[in-house]
Structure formats: C-alpha cells, structure tokens
C-alpha atoms as a PDB file:
ATOM      1  CA  MET A   1     147.054  69.333  93.756  1.00  0.00           C
ATOM      2  CA  LEU A   2     150.436  70.857  94.362  1.00  0.00           C
ATOM      3  CA  ASP A   3     152.021  71.821  97.728  1.00  0.00           C
ATOM      4  CA  PRO A   4     152.048  74.195  99.309  1.00  0.00           C
ATOM      5  CA  ILE A   5     148.035  74.667  99.160  1.00  0.00           C
ATOM      6  CA  ILE A   6     147.140  78.200 100.205  1.00  0.00           C
ATOM      7  CA  ILE A   7     143.922  78.397 102.395  1.00  0.00           C
ATOM      8  CA  THR A   8     142.270  81.732 103.100  1.00  0.00           C
ATOM      9  CA  GLY A   9     139.871  81.698 105.974  1.00  0.00           C
ATOM     10  CA  CYS A  10     141.851  78.833 107.551  1.00  0.00           C
ATOM     11  CA  ALA A  11     140.470  79.129 111.111  1.00  0.00           C
ATOM     12  CA  GLY A  12     137.157  79.240 109.939  1.00  0.00           C
ATOM     13  CA  PHE A  13     134.285  76.170 109.849  1.00  0.00           C
ATOM     14  CA  ILE A  14     135.105  74.770 106.712  1.00  0.00           C
ATOM     15  CA  GLY A  15     138.505  76.052 106.198  1.00  0.00           C
ATOM     16  CA  SER A  16     139.948  74.533 109.273  1.00  0.00           C
ATOM     17  CA  ASN A  17     138.476  71.301 108.470  1.00  0.00           C
ATOM     18  CA  LEU A  18     140.055  71.466 105.214  1.00  0.00           C
ATOM     19  CA  VAL A  19     143.442  72.631 106.844  1.00  0.00           C
ATOM     20  CA  ASP A  20     143.368  69.307 109.154  1.00  0.00           C
ATOM     21  CA  ARG A  21     142.397  66.887 106.144  1.00  0.00           C
ATOM     22  CA  LEU A  22     145.134  68.230 103.708  1.00  0.00           C
ATOM     23  CA  LEU A  23     147.681  68.061 106.600  1.00  0.00           C
ATOM     24  CA  ALA A  24     146.472  64.564 107.398  1.00  0.00           C
ATOM     25  CA  GLN A  25     147.357  63.533 103.666  1.00  0.00           C
ATOM     26  CA  GLY A  26     150.734  64.584 104.028  1.00  0.00           C
ATOM     27  CA  HIS A  27     150.353  68.064 102.146  1.00  0.00           C
ATOM     28  CA  HIS A  28     151.961  71.321 102.966  1.00  0.00           C
ATOM     29  CA  VAL A  29     149.659  74.207 103.845  1.00  0.00           C
ATOM     30  CA  ILE A  30     149.632  77.989 104.032  1.00  0.00           C
ATOM     31  CA  GLY A  31     147.062  79.186 106.184  1.00  0.00           C
ATOM     32  CA  ILE A  32     145.890  82.768 106.087  1.00  0.00           C
ATOM     33  CA  ASP A  33     143.464  84.488 108.477  1.00  0.00           C
ATOM     34  CA  ASN A  34     142.955  87.691 110.461  1.00  0.00           C
ATOM     35  CA  PHE A  35     140.845  86.158 112.874  1.00  0.00           C
ATOM     36  CA  SER A  36     137.914  88.444 112.779  1.00  0.00           C
ATOM     37  CA  THR A  37     135.632  85.453 112.952  1.00  0.00           C
ATOM     38  CA  GLY A  38     138.030  82.482 112.562  1.00  0.00           C
ATOM     39  CA  GLN A  39     138.894  80.600 115.690  1.00  0.00           C
ATOM     40  CA  ARG A  40     142.593  79.847 116.950  1.00  0.00           C
ATOM     41  CA  ARG A  41     141.151  76.660 118.655  1.00  0.00           C
ATOM     42  CA  PHE A  42     140.033  75.107 115.482  1.00  0.00           C
ATOM     43  CA  LEU A  43     144.295  75.142 114.412  1.00  0.00           C
ATOM     44  CA  GLU A  44     145.508  73.643 117.880  1.00  0.00           C
ATOM     45  CA  ARG A  45     146.575  70.509 115.888  1.00  0.00           C
ATOM     46  CA  ALA A  46     147.649  72.100 112.711  1.00  0.00           C
ATOM     47  CA  LEU A  47     149.727  75.000 114.632  1.00  0.00           C
ATOM     48  CA  VAL A  48     152.200  71.846 116.096  1.00  0.00           C
ATOM     49  CA  HIS A  49     152.213  70.133 112.605  1.00  0.00           C
ATOM     50  CA  PRO A  50     155.449  70.573 110.574  1.00  0.00           C
ATOM     51  CA  ASN A  51     153.719  70.921 107.347  1.00  0.00           C
ATOM     52  CA  PHE A  52     151.562  74.024 108.321  1.00  0.00           C
ATOM     53  CA  ARG A  53     152.282  77.793 108.169  1.00  0.00           C
ATOM     54  CA  LEU A  54     149.946  80.487 109.713  1.00  0.00           C
ATOM     55  CA  ILE A  55     149.828  84.009 108.241  1.00  0.00           C
ATOM     56  CA  GLU A  56     148.039  86.279 109.826  1.00  0.00           C
ATOM     57  CA  LEU A  57     146.573  88.760 107.633  1.00  0.00           C
ATOM     58  CA  ASP A  58     143.620  90.649 106.232  1.00  0.00           C
ATOM     59  CA  LEU A  59     142.774  89.907 102.599  1.00  0.00           C
ATOM     60  CA  LEU A  60     142.305  93.762 102.040  1.00  0.00           C
ATOM     61  CA  ASP A  61     146.030  93.964 102.646  1.00  0.00           C
ATOM     62  CA  ALA A  62     146.768  93.630  98.717  1.00  0.00           C
ATOM     63  CA  GLU A  63     150.430  93.987  99.015  1.00  0.00           C
ATOM     64  CA  GLY A  64     150.828  91.835 102.285  1.00  0.00           C
ATOM     65  CA  LEU A  65     148.693  89.067 100.295  1.00  0.00           C
ATOM     66  CA  LYS A  66     151.181  89.021  97.372  1.00  0.00           C
ATOM     67  CA  GLN A  67     153.870  88.391  99.832  1.00  0.00           C
ATOM     68  CA  ALA A  68     152.127  85.666 101.673  1.00  0.00           C
ATOM     69  CA  PHE A  69     151.361  84.037  98.527  1.00  0.00           C
ATOM     70  CA  ALA A  70     154.735  83.490  97.672  1.00  0.00           C
ATOM     71  CA  GLY A  71     155.597  79.866  96.740  1.00  0.00           C
ATOM     72  CA  GLY A  72     151.881  78.835  96.719  1.00  0.00           C
ATOM     73  CA  GLN A  73     150.643  76.250  93.877  1.00  0.00           C
ATOM     74  CA  MET A  74     146.965  76.398  94.549  1.00  0.00           C
ATOM     75  CA  VAL A  75     144.486  78.480  96.456  1.00  0.00           C
ATOM     76  CA  PHE A  76     141.167  77.538  98.378  1.00  0.00           C
ATOM     77  CA  HIS A  77     139.503  80.813  98.812  1.00  0.00           C
ATOM     78  CA  PHE A  78     137.087  80.218 101.811  1.00  0.00           C
ATOM     79  CA  ALA A  79     137.605  83.932 103.814  1.00  0.00           C
ATOM     80  CA  ALA A  80     134.342  85.744 103.479  1.00  0.00           C
ATOM     81  CA  ASN A  81     131.474  87.789 105.091  1.00  0.00           C
ATOM     82  CA  ALA A  82     128.766  84.974 105.598  1.00  0.00           C
ATOM     83  CA  ASP A  83     126.459  87.246 107.602  1.00  0.00           C
ATOM     84  CA  VAL A  84     123.565  86.855 105.136  1.00  0.00           C
ATOM     85  CA  ARG A  85     120.825  88.129 107.649  1.00  0.00           C
ATOM     86  CA  PHE A  86     122.434  91.180 108.916  1.00  0.00           C
ATOM     87  CA  GLY A  87     123.837  92.176 105.169  1.00  0.00           C
ATOM     88  CA  VAL A  88     121.718  95.395 105.101  1.00  0.00           C
ATOM     89  CA  ASP A  89     122.792  96.665 108.427  1.00  0.00           C
ATOM     90  CA  HIS A  90     126.454  97.142 106.823  1.00  0.00           C
ATOM     91  CA  PRO A  91     126.220  96.852 103.056  1.00  0.00           C
ATOM     92  CA  GLN A  92     129.793  97.519 102.423  1.00  0.00           C
ATOM     93  CA  LYS A  93     130.895  94.534 104.466  1.00  0.00           C
ATOM     94  CA  ASP A  94     129.918  92.240 101.635  1.00  0.00           C
ATOM     95  CA  LEU A  95     131.678  94.440  98.958  1.00  0.00           C
ATOM     96  CA  GLN A  96     134.788  95.009 100.966  1.00  0.00           C
ATOM     97  CA  GLN A  97     135.402  91.213 102.587  1.00  0.00           C
ATOM     98  CA  ASN A  98     134.044  89.461  99.836  1.00  0.00           C
ATOM     99  CA  THR A  99     134.520  91.198  96.071  1.00  0.00           C
ATOM    100  CA  ILE A 100     137.399  93.259  96.898  1.00  0.00           C
ATOM    101  CA  ALA A 101     138.901  90.584  99.030  1.00  0.00           C
ATOM    102  CA  THR A 102     138.350  88.204  96.054  1.00  0.00           C
ATOM    103  CA  PHE A 103     139.823  90.634  93.526  1.00  0.00           C
ATOM    104  CA  ASN A 104     142.987  90.906  96.091  1.00  0.00           C
ATOM    105  CA  VAL A 105     143.351  87.268  95.766  1.00  0.00           C
ATOM    106  CA  LEU A 106     143.201  86.911  92.235  1.00  0.00           C
ATOM    107  CA  GLU A 107     145.750  89.594  92.047  1.00  0.00           C
ATOM    108  CA  ALA A 108     148.119  87.931  94.474  1.00  0.00           C
ATOM    109  CA  MET A 109     147.900  84.530  92.621  1.00  0.00           C
ATOM    110  CA  ARG A 110     148.612  86.703  89.278  1.00  0.00           C
ATOM    111  CA  ALA A 111     151.610  88.163  90.821  1.00  0.00           C
ATOM    112  CA  ARG A 112     153.028  84.674  92.147  1.00  0.00           C
ATOM    113  CA  GLY A 113     152.291  82.708  89.098  1.00  0.00           C
ATOM    114  CA  ILE A 114     149.500  80.594  90.642  1.00  0.00           C
ATOM    115  CA  LYS A 115     146.758  79.257  88.072  1.00  0.00           C
ATOM    116  CA  ASP A 116     144.396  77.095  90.442  1.00  0.00           C
ATOM    117  CA  ILE A 117     141.790  78.502  92.478  1.00  0.00           C
ATOM    118  CA  ALA A 118     138.872  76.788  94.429  1.00  0.00           C
ATOM    119  CA  PHE A 119     136.198  78.978  95.501  1.00  0.00           C
ATOM    120  CA  SER A 120     133.200  78.750  98.047  1.00  0.00           C
ATOM    121  CA  SER A 121     130.373  80.213  96.334  1.00  0.00           C
ATOM    122  CA  THR A 122     126.689  80.078  97.285  1.00  0.00           C
ATOM    123  CA  GLY A 123     123.396  78.794  96.317  1.00  0.00           C
ATOM    124  CA  SER A 124     122.111  82.446  97.422  1.00  0.00           C
ATOM    125  CA  ILE A 125     123.169  83.387  94.094  1.00  0.00           C
ATOM    126  CA  TYR A 126     120.300  81.633  92.646  1.00  0.00           C
ATOM    127  CA  GLY A 127     118.061  84.102  94.509  1.00  0.00           C
ATOM    128  CA  GLU A 128     114.291  83.075  94.403  1.00  0.00           C
ATOM    129  CA  THR A 129     114.465  81.009  91.195  1.00  0.00           C
ATOM    130  CA  ASP A 130     111.731  79.235  89.808  1.00  0.00           C
ATOM    131  CA  ILE A 131     113.340  76.253  88.854  1.00  0.00           C
ATOM    132  CA  ILE A 132     113.407  73.764  91.815  1.00  0.00           C
ATOM    133  CA  PRO A 133     115.814  71.768  92.043  1.00  0.00           C
ATOM    134  CA  THR A 134     118.009  74.529  90.970  1.00  0.00           C
ATOM    135  CA  PRO A 135     120.787  73.362  87.984  1.00  0.00           C
ATOM    136  CA  GLU A 136     124.117  75.219  87.459  1.00  0.00           C
ATOM    137  CA  ASN A 137     123.020  76.401  84.199  1.00  0.00           C
ATOM    138  CA  ALA A 138     119.901  77.943  85.757  1.00  0.00           C
ATOM    139  CA  PRO A 139     118.970  81.752  84.673  1.00  0.00           C
ATOM    140  CA  PHE A 140     120.120  84.170  87.253  1.00  0.00           C
ATOM    141  CA  PRO A 141     117.002  85.675  88.628  1.00  0.00           C
ATOM    142  CA  ILE A 142     116.954  89.477  90.449  1.00  0.00           C
ATOM    143  CA  GLN A 143     119.423  89.139  93.454  1.00  0.00           C
ATOM    144  CA  THR A 144     117.822  89.098  96.906  1.00  0.00           C
ATOM    145  CA  SER A 145     120.819  89.236  99.266  1.00  0.00           C
ATOM    146  CA  LEU A 146     123.991  91.354  99.570  1.00  0.00           C
ATOM    147  CA  TYR A 147     125.925  88.366 100.135  1.00  0.00           C
ATOM    148  CA  GLY A 148     124.624  86.595  97.002  1.00  0.00           C
ATOM    149  CA  ALA A 149     125.245  89.521  94.619  1.00  0.00           C
ATOM    150  CA  SER A 150     129.038  89.677  96.247  1.00  0.00           C
ATOM    151  CA  LYS A 151     129.419  86.392  95.920  1.00  0.00           C
ATOM    152  CA  LEU A 152     127.890  86.437  92.557  1.00  0.00           C
ATOM    153  CA  ALA A 153     130.461  89.471  91.508  1.00  0.00           C
ATOM    154  CA  CYS A 154     133.628  86.900  92.922  1.00  0.00           C
ATOM    155  CA  GLU A 155     132.358  84.299  90.368  1.00  0.00           C
ATOM    156  CA  GLY A 156     132.424  86.622  87.403  1.00  0.00           C
ATOM    157  CA  MET A 157     135.927  87.927  88.370  1.00  0.00           C
ATOM    158  CA  ILE A 158     137.235  84.282  88.875  1.00  0.00           C
ATOM    159  CA  GLN A 159     136.005  83.300  85.619  1.00  0.00           C
ATOM    160  CA  ALA A 160     137.422  86.366  83.852  1.00  0.00           C
ATOM    161  CA  TYR A 161     140.824  85.524  85.215  1.00  0.00           C
ATOM    162  CA  CYS A 162     140.478  82.378  84.101  1.00  0.00           C
ATOM    163  CA  GLU A 163     139.864  83.576  80.579  1.00  0.00           C
ATOM    164  CA  GLY A 164     142.418  86.495  80.703  1.00  0.00           C
ATOM    165  CA  PHE A 165     144.966  84.871  82.397  1.00  0.00           C
ATOM    166  CA  GLY A 166     144.887  81.500  82.036  1.00  0.00           C
ATOM    167  CA  PHE A 167     143.624  80.525  85.321  1.00  0.00           C
ATOM    168  CA  LYS A 168     141.516  77.129  86.212  1.00  0.00           C
ATOM    169  CA  SER A 169     138.701  77.518  88.840  1.00  0.00           C
ATOM    170  CA  TRP A 170     136.292  75.109  90.587  1.00  0.00           C
ATOM    171  CA  ILE A 171     133.568  77.500  92.105  1.00  0.00           C
ATOM    172  CA  PHE A 172     131.271  75.716  94.459  1.00  0.00           C
ATOM    173  CA  ARG A 173     127.951  77.049  94.993  1.00  0.00           C
ATOM    174  CA  LEU A 174     127.095  75.459  98.575  1.00  0.00           C
ATOM    175  CA  VAL A 175     123.988  75.251 100.402  1.00  0.00           C
ATOM    176  CA  SER A 176     124.331  75.741 104.179  1.00  0.00           C
ATOM    177  CA  ILE A 177     127.046  73.536 105.744  1.00  0.00           C
ATOM    178  CA  LEU A 178     126.628  71.771 108.880  1.00  0.00           C
ATOM    179  CA  GLY A 179     128.966  69.648 111.566  1.00  0.00           C
ATOM    180  CA  GLU A 180     131.935  69.967 113.695  1.00  0.00           C
ATOM    181  CA  ARG A 181     133.259  73.687 114.196  1.00  0.00           C
ATOM    182  CA  TYR A 182     130.143  75.162 113.006  1.00  0.00           C
ATOM    183  CA  THR A 183     129.304  78.640 114.502  1.00  0.00           C
ATOM    184  CA  HIS A 184     126.878  80.404 112.626  1.00  0.00           C
ATOM    185  CA  GLY A 185     123.546  79.738 111.688  1.00  0.00           C
ATOM    186  CA  HIS A 186     119.927  78.175 112.652  1.00  0.00           C
ATOM    187  CA  VAL A 187     121.122  75.287 114.659  1.00  0.00           C
ATOM    188  CA  LEU A 188     123.230  77.595 116.723  1.00  0.00           C
ATOM    189  CA  ASP A 189     120.526  80.272 117.039  1.00  0.00           C
ATOM    190  CA  PHE A 190     117.433  77.713 118.080  1.00  0.00           C
ATOM    191  CA  TYR A 191     120.236  75.512 120.321  1.00  0.00           C
ATOM    192  CA  LYS A 192     121.119  78.953 122.150  1.00  0.00           C
ATOM    193  CA  LYS A 193     117.472  79.963 122.662  1.00  0.00           C
ATOM    194  CA  LEU A 194     116.330  76.875 123.725  1.00  0.00           C
ATOM    195  CA  SER A 195     119.306  76.630 126.030  1.00  0.00           C
ATOM    196  CA  ALA A 196     118.343  79.825 127.672  1.00  0.00           C
ATOM    197  CA  ASN A 197     114.624  79.032 127.756  1.00  0.00           C
ATOM    198  CA  PRO A 198     113.611  75.538 126.834  1.00  0.00           C
ATOM    199  CA  ASP A 199     109.700  76.377 127.308  1.00  0.00           C
ATOM    200  CA  GLU A 200     109.709  78.610 124.272  1.00  0.00           C
ATOM    201  CA  LEU A 201     110.959  79.326 120.782  1.00  0.00           C
ATOM    202  CA  LEU A 202     110.978  82.181 118.587  1.00  0.00           C
ATOM    203  CA  VAL A 203     110.953  81.088 114.870  1.00  0.00           C
ATOM    204  CA  LEU A 204     111.575  83.745 112.087  1.00  0.00           C
ATOM    205  CA  GLY A 205     108.950  83.319 109.540  1.00  0.00           C
ATOM    206  CA  ASN A 206     106.225  80.907 109.439  1.00  0.00           C
ATOM    207  CA  GLY A 207     108.457  77.734 109.638  1.00  0.00           C
ATOM    208  CA  GLY A 208     107.920  76.671 106.396  1.00  0.00           C
ATOM    209  CA  GLN A 209     110.898  77.744 104.615  1.00  0.00           C
ATOM    210  CA  LYS A 210     112.608  74.978 102.830  1.00  0.00           C
ATOM    211  CA  LYS A 211     116.205  74.341 102.932  1.00  0.00           C
ATOM    212  CA  SER A 212     119.126  71.797 102.031  1.00  0.00           C
ATOM    213  CA  TYR A 213     121.795  71.239 104.235  1.00  0.00           C
ATOM    214  CA  LEU A 214     125.439  69.444 103.491  1.00  0.00           C
ATOM    215  CA  TYR A 215     127.621  67.850 106.344  1.00  0.00           C
ATOM    216  CA  VAL A 216     131.059  69.528 106.341  1.00  0.00           C
ATOM    217  CA  GLN A 217     133.045  66.145 105.926  1.00  0.00           C
ATOM    218  CA  ASP A 218     130.617  65.332 102.692  1.00  0.00           C
ATOM    219  CA  CYS A 219     131.598  69.010 101.578  1.00  0.00           C
ATOM    220  CA  LEU A 220     135.387  68.374 101.527  1.00  0.00           C
ATOM    221  CA  ASP A 221     134.962  65.218  99.987  1.00  0.00           C
ATOM    222  CA  ALA A 222     133.230  66.600  97.365  1.00  0.00           C
ATOM    223  CA  MET A 223     135.574  69.421  96.759  1.00  0.00           C
ATOM    224  CA  CYS A 224     138.471  67.133  96.772  1.00  0.00           C
ATOM    225  CA  TRP A 225     136.665  64.788  94.498  1.00  0.00           C
ATOM    226  CA  SER A 226     135.678  67.596  92.298  1.00  0.00           C
ATOM    227  CA  ILE A 227     139.218  69.047  91.388  1.00  0.00           C
ATOM    228  CA  GLU A 228     140.112  65.440  90.384  1.00  0.00           C
ATOM    229  CA  LYS A 229     136.935  64.741  88.093  1.00  0.00           C
ATOM    230  CA  PHE A 230     136.383  68.341  86.684  1.00  0.00           C
ATOM    231  CA  THR A 231     139.188  69.533  84.286  1.00  0.00           C
ATOM    232  CA  GLN A 232     137.780  72.516  82.452  1.00  0.00           C
ATOM    233  CA  LYS A 233     138.975  75.820  82.683  1.00  0.00           C
ATOM    234  CA  VAL A 234     136.017  77.095  84.582  1.00  0.00           C
ATOM    235  CA  ASN A 235     134.074  74.281  86.554  1.00  0.00           C
ATOM    236  CA  VAL A 236     130.904  75.021  88.385  1.00  0.00           C
ATOM    237  CA  ILE A 237     129.677  72.766  90.806  1.00  0.00           C
ATOM    238  CA  ASN A 238     126.463  72.463  92.909  1.00  0.00           C
ATOM    239  CA  LEU A 239     127.164  70.891  96.237  1.00  0.00           C
ATOM    240  CA  GLY A 240     124.382  69.750  98.306  1.00  0.00           C
ATOM    241  CA  THR A 241     122.003  66.740  99.222  1.00  0.00           C
ATOM    242  CA  LYS A 242     119.314  65.265  97.069  1.00  0.00           C
ATOM    243  CA  GLU A 243     116.593  66.131  99.966  1.00  0.00           C
ATOM    244  CA  TYR A 244     115.764  69.231 101.666  1.00  0.00           C
ATOM    245  CA  CYS A 245     113.818  69.754 104.906  1.00  0.00           C
ATOM    246  CA  GLN A 246     111.380  72.761 106.314  1.00  0.00           C
ATOM    247  CA  VAL A 247     112.449  74.494 109.120  1.00  0.00           C
ATOM    248  CA  ASN A 248     109.783  73.055 111.250  1.00  0.00           C
ATOM    249  CA  ASP A 249     111.606  69.637 110.464  1.00  0.00           C
ATOM    250  CA  SER A 250     114.818  70.984 111.733  1.00  0.00           C
ATOM    251  CA  ILE A 251     112.987  72.430 115.043  1.00  0.00           C
ATOM    252  CA  GLY A 252     111.832  68.967 115.200  1.00  0.00           C
ATOM    253  CA  TRP A 253     115.006  66.963 115.078  1.00  0.00           C
ATOM    254  CA  ILE A 254     116.892  69.591 117.316  1.00  0.00           C
ATOM    255  CA  THR A 255     114.074  69.562 120.365  1.00  0.00           C
ATOM    256  CA  GLY A 256     113.764  65.918 120.026  1.00  0.00           C
ATOM    257  CA  HIS A 257     117.687  65.840 120.264  1.00  0.00           C
ATOM    258  CA  MET A 258     117.376  67.885 123.516  1.00  0.00           C
ATOM    259  CA  ASN A 259     114.604  66.142 124.786  1.00  0.00           C
ATOM    260  CA  LEU A 260     112.199  69.402 124.862  1.00  0.00           C
ATOM    261  CA  LYS A 261     108.513  70.398 123.986  1.00  0.00           C
ATOM    262  CA  PRO A 262     108.624  74.251 123.634  1.00  0.00           C
ATOM    263  CA  LYS A 263     105.979  76.510 122.529  1.00  0.00           C
ATOM    264  CA  LEU A 264     106.691  77.418 119.002  1.00  0.00           C
ATOM    265  CA  THR A 265     106.001  81.346 118.045  1.00  0.00           C
ATOM    266  CA  TYR A 266     106.522  82.549 114.555  1.00  0.00           C
ATOM    267  CA  SER A 267     107.302  86.005 113.326  1.00  0.00           C
ATOM    268  CA  GLY A 268     105.064  85.249 110.269  1.00  0.00           C
ATOM    269  CA  GLY A 269     105.645  85.548 106.336  1.00  0.00           C
ATOM    270  CA  GLU A 270     107.618  83.440 104.065  1.00  0.00           C
ATOM    271  CA  HIS A 271     110.957  85.156 104.730  1.00  0.00           C
ATOM    272  CA  GLY A 272     112.759  85.047 107.985  1.00  0.00           C
ATOM    273  CA  TRP A 273     114.574  88.076 107.092  1.00  0.00           C
ATOM    274  CA  ILE A 274     115.401  90.616 104.095  1.00  0.00           C
ATOM    275  CA  GLY A 275     117.314  88.401 101.654  1.00  0.00           C
ATOM    276  CA  ASP A 276     116.221  85.116 103.194  1.00  0.00           C
ATOM    277  CA  ASN A 277     115.356  82.644 100.027  1.00  0.00           C
ATOM    278  CA  PRO A 278     112.383  80.512 101.119  1.00  0.00           C
ATOM    279  CA  PHE A 279     113.452  77.565  99.069  1.00  0.00           C
ATOM    280  CA  ILE A 280     116.815  76.704  98.751  1.00  0.00           C
ATOM    281  CA  PHE A 281     117.385  73.159  97.076  1.00  0.00           C
ATOM    282  CA  LEU A 282     120.212  72.763  94.521  1.00  0.00           C
ATOM    283  CA  ASP A 283     120.316  70.161  91.594  1.00  0.00           C
ATOM    284  CA  THR A 284     123.374  68.271  92.162  1.00  0.00           C
ATOM    285  CA  ALA A 285     123.319  65.847  89.337  1.00  0.00           C
ATOM    286  CA  LYS A 286     125.995  67.153  87.707  1.00  0.00           C
ATOM    287  CA  ILE A 287     128.625  66.024  90.414  1.00  0.00           C
ATOM    288  CA  ASN A 288     126.418  62.776  91.318  1.00  0.00           C
ATOM    289  CA  GLN A 289     127.101  61.724  87.767  1.00  0.00           C
ATOM    290  CA  THR A 290     130.691  61.317  88.487  1.00  0.00           C
ATOM    291  CA  GLY A 291     129.923  58.874  91.489  1.00  0.00           C
ATOM    292  CA  TRP A 292     130.176  61.412  94.345  1.00  0.00           C
ATOM    293  CA  HIS A 293     127.003  61.151  96.993  1.00  0.00           C
ATOM    294  CA  PRO A 294     126.932  62.619 100.372  1.00  0.00           C
ATOM    295  CA  LYS A 295     127.161  59.756 103.286  1.00  0.00           C
ATOM    296  CA  LEU A 296     124.894  61.633 105.939  1.00  0.00           C
ATOM    297  CA  THR A 297     121.171  62.977 105.798  1.00  0.00           C
ATOM    298  CA  ILE A 298     120.490  66.503 106.586  1.00  0.00           C
ATOM    299  CA  GLN A 299     118.878  64.959 109.886  1.00  0.00           C
ATOM    300  CA  GLU A 300     122.086  63.124 110.884  1.00  0.00           C
ATOM    301  CA  ALA A 301     124.206  66.524 109.909  1.00  0.00           C
ATOM    302  CA  ILE A 302     121.904  68.416 112.533  1.00  0.00           C
ATOM    303  CA  ILE A 303     122.655  65.725 115.095  1.00  0.00           C
ATOM    304  CA  LYS A 304     126.381  65.965 114.671  1.00  0.00           C
ATOM    305  CA  THR A 305     126.247  69.882 114.687  1.00  0.00           C
ATOM    306  CA  LEU A 306     124.001  69.803 118.032  1.00  0.00           C
ATOM    307  CA  VAL A 307     126.553  67.230 119.482  1.00  0.00           C
ATOM    308  CA  PHE A 308     129.586  69.493 118.702  1.00  0.00           C
ATOM    309  CA  LEU A 309     127.878  72.201 119.954  1.00  0.00           C
ATOM    310  CA  GLU A 310     126.857  70.476 123.328  1.00  0.00           C
ATOM    311  CA  ASP A 311     130.666  69.377 123.729  1.00  0.00           C
ATOM    312  CA  ASN A 312     132.018  72.863 122.977  1.00  0.00           C
ATOM    313  CA  CYS A 313     130.204  75.353 125.052  1.00  0.00           C
ATOM    314  CA  TRP A 314     132.818  78.338 124.242  1.00  0.00           C
ATOM    315  CA  ALA A 315     131.598  77.816 120.545  1.00  0.00           C
ATOM    316  CA  VAL A 316     128.193  78.607 121.407  1.00  0.00           C
ATOM    317  CA  GLU A 317     128.967  82.265 122.706  1.00  0.00           C
ATOM    318  CA  ILE A 318     131.765  83.349 120.340  1.00  0.00           C
ATOM    319  CA  ARG A 319     129.302  85.307 117.999  1.00  0.00           C
ATOM    320  CA  GLY A 320     127.716  86.801 121.148  1.00  0.00           C
END
C-alpha cells in the first residue's frame, strides 16, 4: 500500500479502527467523513497524529471529493448507509449514500489518477441463496434488501472501472462485524433493551435466524492480508468465520454475560424485518487457502462487543 491512503467513512466503526492501525504501521492517512453517523471520539488518537489529515466532506459533493483526493495513492471506501432494517422507509438513502457516493469516489479516483480501491461490500448481496455456505462465485438470486441491491450496484461499477480505466480492486463481502466501536446491530439492540428492562426481551422473528459474524480486528487483518495475497484486476473475497450461530445462541451469550434471565417474546416468522436474510453463512475457503484465519470465535467477538458497550455508555445512545 502506497501513501497517503484515503479512507472514506474514517470516523465509523470499521474505518476508524483501520485509521488507527495504518497510523500505527507508519502510514500517512487522509480520512474523509461527514459525521452523519461517524464519531469524532473514534478519531481522538488520529487527530493528534502527525500522519493524519481529516477532511470533513459529504461524498455526494463530487467536486469537493476530487479536491480531497489530491495526492492519494489508494482508497479504502467504507462510507455507506448500513441501515438494512429500515431501508424501505427511505429507499433513496441507499441509492444516494451507497451507489451514487461510490460513483463519485470512482470519478474522483479517475480525476486524480488513483488506481487501487478496497471496498466494503456485504454478504447481503447473496440474498436468500440456496447455496450454504455461499462462495464468491454463487449465482445471484433475487435481491431482498435495498441495502444489498445498492451494494451490488457498487460492485458492478467498481468492476467496470477496473476494466475501463485500469483500476485494481479488492471487494470484500462481509458478514456482520463486531467489536470495539460497534454502534449498530443486534448486540447493541439487545444490550439496550436488557439495560432498560432486564426481565423481558422482545426478539424480532423466531430466534432461529442463522448468521455469521466477524471480529473487527480479524476483519482488518483479512483486508490487509488480501491486498498482499490477491493480485488480479478484480478480487472478490468473502470475509467471515467458519461458523454461524442462531439469534437464540447470541441471546444466550449476551444474557449470560449480563447475568440475566429475561422472558423471551418473539414477533414470529423466519424474518426479523423486510429484507432480513434468515441464513447468512459465507464460504471463506478462498482466503483461508492463502493462510488467513480469524483469531476470535463469534461468541468471543460478541463478548468483546458487550465489554465495549459497558465501558462506553455514550456509544449506546448515539443512535437514539
């Protein structure tokens, strides 16, 4: 990786962790964020580091983005709307903040002669696939979430820019990520509900939904590893663990850690919400064959997340 490295969504969960990692490795980093969901607290160490420059900017500002990318050598594009559950309430948000924003990133790269991009996509693009675990070359079924559809469109554009303009890409299809600076998802939702009422927990769906998760530092290990190991024009890589758990398993680990025994009430059905995939389990053989393996289990990652939430009460409330 050549410096300076640009990170969009630098104040977010994954982005801020990558900022700290790259700075610790001696890299120069340009961070871009509009702070719509990113947190300045996540950049406390970076903001006093001589190798870090923060640009507060919305990715929908195409001309501003071209200026911000001046001098950059590689882009980690993490900025996105990750609100899968409420996508049907504001369908334009996925189009604007994911698809159009990614187009603007690609055009800014083209304007500045930047060729390398690492992109955080999602396992949600596989929809409700019949192939479990799901490999990178699985056929795409009908899309079930606006979030997944917008990310798939981003992938298509990135691949086309690689072909048309000589870009090189690493497209990471992620399971849900857990760990420090986590501020969105089921562990937070359950933690907030149980903190407010430790005697009862409402669970969307039937609790049998099966999902895989990955610890954030394992995720960053895998990304940096992949950039060294995969050298094709377009590199599509699943990132996850070789295990999955049911929602009920996760509830058991969370309530066990909190020393609670709440009454569980289920809304019913296989789906927690529109677009919720009841079984996400990615085949990670492609990256595993190069020697990378996650260090933490799903249970360990969930406990790490709970400890972060317990130690950072402010983070529990930032999404209302």
